[in-house]
């Protein structure tokens, strides 16, 4: 409820502690919470240099997940500073969500499996 009276000796809850509290409630304190900031993408320059596959990464961007809320906020700030249209990007991500890392890994595995399976089926034909 939003009918809490302010000034009863309780500090305003930060977004991070709210997210962590909701996560703990949702997952029963099990698993690793990872934070996701909507609209936060990173270009993978390191991989580009390592493998020299310029084309593979030309249009690719990664959606990073963070173990730390602070890291997410820091990267958002960096992305915003580097952007040409900084004034159009809000100071904080419009939406930060928290996921269970195990759920994320499981769903990535499923996607990977589906893609490999489709490739196999195409080869069989």
C-alpha atoms as a PDB file:
ATOM      1  CA  UNK A   1       0.000   0.000   0.000  1.00  0.00           C
ATOM      2  CA  UNK A   2       1.065   3.567  -0.618  1.00  0.00           C
ATOM      3  CA  UNK A   3      -0.607   5.005   2.461  1.00  0.00           C
ATOM      4  CA  UNK A   4       2.504   4.876   4.642  1.00  0.00           C
ATOM      5  CA  UNK A   5       3.125   7.985   6.659  1.00  0.00           C
ATOM      6  CA  UNK A   6       6.545   9.487   6.110  1.00  0.00           C
ATOM      7  CA  UNK A   7       8.677  10.524   9.005  1.00  0.00           C
ATOM      8  CA  UNK A   8       7.899   7.626  11.303  1.00  0.00           C
ATOM      9  CA  UNK A   9      11.602   6.938  11.712  1.00  0.00           C
ATOM     10  CA  UNK A  10      11.805   4.798   8.584  1.00  0.00           C
ATOM     11  CA  UNK A  11      14.029   5.838   5.699  1.00  0.00           C
ATOM     12  CA  UNK A  12      12.653   5.908   2.184  1.00  0.00           C
ATOM     13  CA  UNK A  13      13.386   2.541   0.564  1.00  0.00           C
ATOM     14  CA  UNK A  14      15.848   2.702  -2.319  1.00  0.00           C
ATOM     15  CA  UNK A  15      14.967   1.126  -5.642  1.00  0.00           C
ATOM     16  CA  UNK A  16      17.726  -1.422  -5.169  1.00  0.00           C
ATOM     17  CA  UNK A  17      16.493  -2.580  -1.765  1.00  0.00           C
ATOM     18  CA  UNK A  18      12.909  -2.703  -3.089  1.00  0.00           C
ATOM     19  CA  UNK A  19      14.032  -4.899  -6.009  1.00  0.00           C
ATOM     20  CA  UNK A  20      16.042  -7.170  -3.725  1.00  0.00           C
ATOM     21  CA  UNK A  21      13.134  -7.457  -1.271  1.00  0.00           C
ATOM     22  CA  UNK A  22      10.661  -8.322  -4.061  1.00  0.00           C
ATOM     23  CA  UNK A  23      13.133 -10.840  -5.461  1.00  0.00           C
ATOM     24  CA  UNK A  24      13.614 -12.516  -2.071  1.00  0.00           C
ATOM     25  CA  UNK A  25       9.843 -12.748  -1.695  1.00  0.00           C
ATOM     26  CA  UNK A  26       9.358 -14.093  -5.221  1.00  0.00           C
ATOM     27  CA  UNK A  27      12.181 -16.656  -5.197  1.00  0.00           C
ATOM     28  CA  UNK A  28      12.039 -17.522  -1.502  1.00  0.00           C
ATOM     29  CA  UNK A  29      15.612 -16.340  -1.102  1.00  0.00           C
ATOM     30  CA  UNK A  30      16.884 -18.984  -3.535  1.00  0.00           C
ATOM     31  CA  UNK A  31      19.129 -18.366  -6.521  1.00  0.00           C
ATOM     32  CA  UNK A  32      21.204 -15.396  -7.592  1.00  0.00           C
ATOM     33  CA  UNK A  33      19.453 -12.158  -8.373  1.00  0.00           C
ATOM     34  CA  UNK A  34      20.632 -10.430 -11.553  1.00  0.00           C
ATOM     35  CA  UNK A  35      19.593  -6.926 -12.536  1.00  0.00           C
ATOM     36  CA  UNK A  36      18.462  -5.896 -15.995  1.00  0.00           C
ATOM     37  CA  UNK A  37      18.084  -2.305 -17.157  1.00  0.00           C
ATOM     38  CA  UNK A  38      15.627  -1.741 -19.978  1.00  0.00           C
ATOM     39  CA  UNK A  39      17.312  -0.026 -22.905  1.00  0.00           C
ATOM     40  CA  UNK A  40      20.844  -0.737 -21.717  1.00  0.00           C
ATOM     41  CA  UNK A  41      22.922  -2.338 -24.452  1.00  0.00           C
ATOM     42  CA  UNK A  42      26.632  -2.780 -24.883  1.00  0.00           C
ATOM     43  CA  UNK A  43      28.603  -3.226 -28.039  1.00  0.00           C
ATOM     44  CA  UNK A  44      31.136  -6.028 -27.642  1.00  0.00           C
ATOM     45  CA  UNK A  45      34.409  -4.410 -28.739  1.00  0.00           C
ATOM     46  CA  UNK A  46      36.639  -6.861 -26.886  1.00  0.00           C
ATOM     47  CA  UNK A  47      35.298  -9.882 -28.744  1.00  0.00           C
ATOM     48  CA  UNK A  48      35.649  -8.006 -32.001  1.00  0.00           C
ATOM     49  CA  UNK A  49      39.350  -7.504 -31.354  1.00  0.00           C
ATOM     50  CA  UNK A  50      39.911 -11.036 -30.099  1.00  0.00           C
ATOM     51  CA  UNK A  51      38.390 -12.862 -33.018  1.00  0.00           C
ATOM     52  CA  UNK A  52      38.673 -10.259 -35.751  1.00  0.00           C
ATOM     53  CA  UNK A  53      35.181 -11.187 -36.921  1.00  0.00           C
ATOM     54  CA  UNK A  54      34.222  -7.641 -37.768  1.00  0.00           C
ATOM     55  CA  UNK A  55      31.086  -8.621 -39.659  1.00  0.00           C
ATOM     56  CA  UNK A  56      29.727 -10.922 -37.000  1.00  0.00           C
ATOM     57  CA  UNK A  57      29.591  -8.124 -34.474  1.00  0.00           C
ATOM     58  CA  UNK A  58      28.908  -5.156 -36.754  1.00  0.00           C
ATOM     59  CA  UNK A  59      25.206  -4.954 -35.907  1.00  0.00           C
ATOM     60  CA  UNK A  60      25.278  -6.948 -32.721  1.00  0.00           C
ATOM     61  CA  UNK A  61      24.788  -5.552 -29.273  1.00  0.00           C
ATOM     62  CA  UNK A  62      24.529  -7.367 -25.986  1.00  0.00           C
ATOM     63  CA  UNK A  63      21.962  -6.921 -23.282  1.00  0.00           C
ATOM     64  CA  UNK A  64      24.004  -7.173 -20.111  1.00  0.00           C
ATOM     65  CA  UNK A  65      22.810  -8.584 -16.804  1.00  0.00           C
ATOM     66  CA  UNK A  66      24.384  -7.395 -13.567  1.00  0.00           C
ATOM     67  CA  UNK A  67      24.959  -8.988 -10.199  1.00  0.00           C
ATOM     68  CA  UNK A  68      25.256  -5.506  -8.779  1.00  0.00           C
ATOM     69  CA  UNK A  69      22.720  -2.701  -9.062  1.00  0.00           C
ATOM     70  CA  UNK A  70      25.549  -0.153  -8.788  1.00  0.00           C
ATOM     71  CA  UNK A  71      27.356  -1.643 -11.800  1.00  0.00           C
ATOM     72  CA  UNK A  72      24.187  -1.432 -13.856  1.00  0.00           C
ATOM     73  CA  UNK A  73      23.731   2.231 -12.925  1.00  0.00           C
ATOM     74  CA  UNK A  74      27.387   2.999 -13.662  1.00  0.00           C
ATOM     75  CA  UNK A  75      27.186   1.450 -17.145  1.00  0.00           C
ATOM     76  CA  UNK A  76      23.939   3.305 -17.828  1.00  0.00           C
ATOM     77  CA  UNK A  77      25.677   6.553 -16.958  1.00  0.00           C
ATOM     78  CA  UNK A  78      28.630   5.711 -19.221  1.00  0.00           C
ATOM     79  CA  UNK A  79      26.300   4.780 -22.107  1.00  0.00           C
ATOM     80  CA  UNK A  80      24.417   8.045 -21.632  1.00  0.00           C
ATOM     81  CA  UNK A  81      27.606  10.131 -21.529  1.00  0.00           C
ATOM     82  CA  UNK A  82      28.872   8.550 -24.761  1.00  0.00           C
ATOM     83  CA  UNK A  83      25.605   8.958 -26.604  1.00  0.00           C
ATOM     84  CA  UNK A  84      25.188  11.643 -29.249  1.00  0.00           C
ATOM     85  CA  UNK A  85      21.663  12.431 -28.078  1.00  0.00           C
ATOM     86  CA  UNK A  86      22.335  12.407 -24.351  1.00  0.00           C
ATOM     87  CA  UNK A  87      19.408  14.749 -23.624  1.00  0.00           C
ATOM     88  CA  UNK A  88      16.972  12.140 -24.981  1.00  0.00           C
ATOM     89  CA  UNK A  89      18.220   9.432 -22.607  1.00  0.00           C
ATOM     90  CA  UNK A  90      16.839   9.498 -19.057  1.00  0.00           C
ATOM     91  CA  UNK A  91      19.322   9.731 -16.180  1.00  0.00           C
ATOM     92  CA  UNK A  92      18.199   6.340 -14.921  1.00  0.00           C
ATOM     93  CA  UNK A  93      16.946   3.285 -16.838  1.00  0.00           C
ATOM     94  CA  UNK A  94      13.163   3.573 -17.373  1.00  0.00           C
ATOM     95  CA  UNK A  95      12.731   0.131 -15.851  1.00  0.00           C
ATOM     96  CA  UNK A  96      15.060  -2.083 -13.854  1.00  0.00           C
ATOM     97  CA  UNK A  97      14.045  -5.692 -13.358  1.00  0.00           C
ATOM     98  CA  UNK A  98      15.526  -8.439 -11.266  1.00  0.00           C
ATOM     99  CA  UNK A  99      15.700 -12.035 -12.479  1.00  0.00           C
ATOM    100  CA  UNK A 100      16.865 -15.320 -11.058  1.00  0.00           C
ATOM    101  CA  UNK A 101      20.134 -16.175 -12.789  1.00  0.00           C
ATOM    102  CA  UNK A 102      19.165 -19.853 -12.966  1.00  0.00           C
ATOM    103  CA  UNK A 103      15.981 -18.986 -14.871  1.00  0.00           C
ATOM    104  CA  UNK A 104      17.979 -16.855 -17.292  1.00  0.00           C
ATOM    105  CA  UNK A 105      20.569 -19.587 -17.895  1.00  0.00           C
ATOM    106  CA  UNK A 106      17.860 -22.216 -18.352  1.00  0.00           C
ATOM    107  CA  UNK A 107      16.007 -20.122 -20.914  1.00  0.00           C
ATOM    108  CA  UNK A 108      19.255 -19.364 -22.777  1.00  0.00           C
ATOM    109  CA  UNK A 109      20.001 -23.094 -22.860  1.00  0.00           C
ATOM    110  CA  UNK A 110      16.555 -23.769 -24.288  1.00  0.00           C
ATOM    111  CA  UNK A 111      17.040 -21.139 -26.997  1.00  0.00           C
ATOM    112  CA  UNK A 112      20.471 -22.539 -27.819  1.00  0.00           C
ATOM    113  CA  UNK A 113      19.083 -26.055 -27.980  1.00  0.00           C
ATOM    114  CA  UNK A 114      16.234 -24.975 -30.252  1.00  0.00           C
ATOM    115  CA  UNK A 115      18.626 -23.227 -32.619  1.00  0.00           C
ATOM    116  CA  UNK A 116      20.971 -26.217 -32.769  1.00  0.00           C
ATOM    117  CA  UNK A 117      18.052 -28.590 -33.274  1.00  0.00           C
ATOM    118  CA  UNK A 118      16.715 -26.481 -36.168  1.00  0.00           C
ATOM    119  CA  UNK A 119      20.156 -26.449 -37.783  1.00  0.00           C
ATOM    120  CA  UNK A 120      20.328 -30.237 -37.451  1.00  0.00           C
ATOM    121  CA  UNK A 121      16.918 -30.695 -39.010  1.00  0.00           C
ATOM    122  CA  UNK A 122      17.910 -28.491 -41.936  1.00  0.00           C
ATOM    123  CA  UNK A 123      21.051 -30.555 -42.499  1.00  0.00           C
ATOM    124  CA  UNK A 124      19.106 -33.832 -42.469  1.00  0.00           C
ATOM    125  CA  UNK A 125      16.779 -32.800 -45.295  1.00  0.00           C
END
